[in-house]
N, C-alpha and C. Protein backbone atom coordinates (compact mmCIF):
# COMPACT_ATOMS: atom_id res chain seq x y z
N MET A 1 -23.91 83.75 21.43
CA MET A 1 -24.07 82.36 21.86
C MET A 1 -25.47 82.20 22.42
N ASP A 2 -26.19 81.20 21.92
CA ASP A 2 -27.56 80.96 22.39
C ASP A 2 -27.58 80.41 23.80
N SER A 3 -26.76 79.41 24.04
CA SER A 3 -26.77 78.77 25.36
C SER A 3 -25.37 78.27 25.70
N TYR A 4 -24.99 78.45 26.94
CA TYR A 4 -23.70 77.96 27.41
C TYR A 4 -23.78 76.50 27.86
N THR A 5 -24.99 75.95 27.86
CA THR A 5 -25.19 74.61 28.42
C THR A 5 -24.34 73.52 27.75
N PRO A 6 -24.34 73.39 26.41
CA PRO A 6 -23.53 72.31 25.81
C PRO A 6 -22.05 72.37 26.17
N PRO A 7 -21.37 73.54 26.06
CA PRO A 7 -19.95 73.54 26.44
C PRO A 7 -19.72 73.31 27.93
N VAL A 8 -20.65 73.79 28.77
CA VAL A 8 -20.50 73.56 30.21
C VAL A 8 -20.60 72.07 30.51
N LYS A 9 -21.60 71.40 29.96
CA LYS A 9 -21.77 69.96 30.20
C LYS A 9 -20.58 69.18 29.64
N ARG A 10 -20.04 69.62 28.50
CA ARG A 10 -18.87 68.95 27.92
C ARG A 10 -17.67 69.07 28.87
N LEU A 11 -17.44 70.27 29.40
CA LEU A 11 -16.35 70.47 30.35
C LEU A 11 -16.54 69.63 31.61
N LEU A 12 -17.77 69.58 32.10
CA LEU A 12 -18.05 68.78 33.29
C LEU A 12 -17.74 67.31 33.06
N ARG A 13 -18.23 66.77 31.93
CA ARG A 13 -17.99 65.35 31.62
C ARG A 13 -16.51 65.06 31.42
N ASP A 14 -15.81 65.97 30.74
CA ASP A 14 -14.37 65.80 30.49
C ASP A 14 -13.57 65.74 31.79
N ASN A 15 -14.11 66.33 32.86
CA ASN A 15 -13.43 66.36 34.14
C ASN A 15 -14.01 65.38 35.15
N GLY A 16 -14.80 64.41 34.66
CA GLY A 16 -15.27 63.34 35.53
C GLY A 16 -16.60 63.56 36.22
N CYS A 17 -17.23 64.72 36.02
CA CYS A 17 -18.54 64.96 36.62
C CYS A 17 -19.60 64.18 35.85
N TYR A 18 -20.69 63.85 36.53
CA TYR A 18 -21.74 63.07 35.88
C TYR A 18 -23.11 63.43 36.46
N PRO A 19 -24.17 63.30 35.62
CA PRO A 19 -25.51 63.60 36.11
C PRO A 19 -26.00 62.50 37.06
N VAL A 20 -26.65 62.91 38.15
CA VAL A 20 -27.15 61.97 39.15
C VAL A 20 -28.64 61.74 38.96
N ARG A 21 -29.38 62.85 38.79
CA ARG A 21 -30.84 62.75 38.65
C ARG A 21 -31.36 64.06 38.10
N THR A 22 -32.65 64.08 37.79
CA THR A 22 -33.27 65.33 37.39
C THR A 22 -33.63 66.12 38.63
N GLY A 23 -33.64 67.41 38.50
CA GLY A 23 -33.99 68.27 39.62
C GLY A 23 -35.32 68.95 39.35
N LYS A 24 -35.59 70.02 40.07
CA LYS A 24 -36.83 70.76 39.87
C LYS A 24 -36.76 71.57 38.59
N GLY A 25 -37.89 71.69 37.93
CA GLY A 25 -37.95 72.47 36.69
C GLY A 25 -37.08 71.87 35.61
N ASP A 26 -36.25 72.70 35.00
CA ASP A 26 -35.39 72.22 33.91
C ASP A 26 -33.95 72.07 34.37
N HIS A 27 -33.76 71.65 35.61
CA HIS A 27 -32.41 71.46 36.17
C HIS A 27 -32.07 69.98 36.27
N GLU A 28 -30.79 69.70 36.25
CA GLU A 28 -30.27 68.36 36.52
C GLU A 28 -29.33 68.48 37.72
N ILE A 29 -29.23 67.42 38.50
CA ILE A 29 -28.30 67.39 39.62
C ILE A 29 -27.09 66.58 39.17
N TRP A 30 -25.91 67.19 39.26
CA TRP A 30 -24.67 66.54 38.86
C TRP A 30 -23.80 66.32 40.09
N ARG A 31 -22.85 65.40 39.97
CA ARG A 31 -21.90 65.12 41.06
C ARG A 31 -20.48 65.35 40.56
N SER A 32 -19.68 65.98 41.41
CA SER A 32 -18.29 66.26 41.07
C SER A 32 -17.37 65.36 41.90
N PRO A 33 -16.49 64.60 41.24
CA PRO A 33 -15.51 63.81 41.98
C PRO A 33 -14.42 64.69 42.61
N ILE A 34 -14.29 65.92 42.13
CA ILE A 34 -13.28 66.84 42.66
C ILE A 34 -13.69 67.35 44.04
N THR A 35 -14.95 67.79 44.16
CA THR A 35 -15.42 68.34 45.43
C THR A 35 -16.18 67.30 46.25
N GLY A 36 -16.66 66.24 45.59
CA GLY A 36 -17.45 65.23 46.28
C GLY A 36 -18.86 65.68 46.60
N GLN A 37 -19.32 66.74 45.93
CA GLN A 37 -20.64 67.29 46.20
C GLN A 37 -21.52 67.28 44.96
N ASN A 38 -22.84 67.32 45.21
CA ASN A 38 -23.81 67.47 44.14
C ASN A 38 -24.07 68.95 43.91
N PHE A 39 -24.43 69.31 42.66
CA PHE A 39 -24.74 70.70 42.33
C PHE A 39 -25.72 70.72 41.16
N PRO A 40 -26.56 71.77 41.09
CA PRO A 40 -27.54 71.85 40.00
C PRO A 40 -26.94 72.45 38.73
N VAL A 41 -27.43 71.95 37.60
CA VAL A 41 -27.05 72.50 36.30
C VAL A 41 -28.34 72.78 35.54
N ASP A 42 -28.53 74.03 35.15
CA ASP A 42 -29.72 74.42 34.39
C ASP A 42 -29.58 73.92 32.96
N ASN A 43 -30.69 73.55 32.34
CA ASN A 43 -30.64 73.07 30.96
C ASN A 43 -30.58 74.21 29.94
N VAL A 44 -30.77 75.46 30.39
CA VAL A 44 -30.63 76.62 29.52
C VAL A 44 -29.84 77.68 30.27
N ILE A 45 -28.52 77.65 30.10
CA ILE A 45 -27.64 78.63 30.75
C ILE A 45 -27.36 79.74 29.74
N LYS A 46 -27.89 80.93 30.00
CA LYS A 46 -27.75 82.05 29.06
C LYS A 46 -26.68 83.05 29.48
N SER A 47 -26.20 82.96 30.71
CA SER A 47 -25.23 83.93 31.22
C SER A 47 -23.87 83.26 31.44
N ARG A 48 -22.82 83.97 31.05
CA ARG A 48 -21.47 83.43 31.29
C ARG A 48 -21.17 83.37 32.77
N HIS A 49 -21.79 84.26 33.54
CA HIS A 49 -21.58 84.27 34.99
C HIS A 49 -22.17 83.01 35.61
N THR A 50 -23.34 82.62 35.14
CA THR A 50 -23.96 81.39 35.64
C THR A 50 -23.14 80.18 35.22
N ALA A 51 -22.66 80.19 33.97
CA ALA A 51 -21.83 79.09 33.48
C ALA A 51 -20.57 78.93 34.33
N ASN A 52 -19.92 80.04 34.64
CA ASN A 52 -18.71 79.99 35.47
C ASN A 52 -19.05 79.59 36.91
N GLY A 53 -20.23 79.97 37.38
CA GLY A 53 -20.68 79.57 38.71
C GLY A 53 -20.87 78.07 38.83
N VAL A 54 -21.40 77.47 37.78
CA VAL A 54 -21.57 76.01 37.76
C VAL A 54 -20.21 75.33 37.80
N LEU A 55 -19.27 75.83 37.00
CA LEU A 55 -17.93 75.26 36.99
C LEU A 55 -17.26 75.41 38.36
N LYS A 56 -17.48 76.53 39.02
CA LYS A 56 -16.90 76.75 40.35
C LYS A 56 -17.45 75.74 41.35
N GLN A 57 -18.75 75.46 41.28
CA GLN A 57 -19.36 74.47 42.18
C GLN A 57 -18.78 73.08 41.93
N ALA A 58 -18.35 72.83 40.69
CA ALA A 58 -17.76 71.54 40.34
C ALA A 58 -16.28 71.48 40.70
N GLY A 59 -15.71 72.59 41.14
CA GLY A 59 -14.29 72.63 41.49
C GLY A 59 -13.38 72.87 40.31
N LEU A 60 -13.94 73.47 39.24
CA LEU A 60 -13.18 73.74 38.02
C LEU A 60 -12.93 75.23 37.88
N PRO A 61 -11.90 75.63 37.14
CA PRO A 61 -11.64 77.06 36.93
C PRO A 61 -12.62 77.68 35.94
N LYS A 62 -12.72 78.99 35.94
CA LYS A 62 -13.57 79.71 34.99
C LYS A 62 -13.14 79.40 33.56
N ALA A 63 -14.13 79.32 32.66
CA ALA A 63 -13.79 79.03 31.27
C ALA A 63 -14.48 80.01 30.31
N PHE A 64 -15.36 80.86 30.82
CA PHE A 64 -16.13 81.77 29.94
C PHE A 64 -16.01 83.20 30.36
């Protein structure tokens, strides 16, 4: 798998999360209605551990 970013963003959107603004570098800041918090999402996620970490910050279970 080249990048986990597309499936991660798809899972986030399917669960009500949405992008708020651009962050530093190649990151976006997203908001989770589950946790009520903002969290960064890298535009090139190459590690399944990072992908699962993003989902955890969003209040979602591991998927990779």
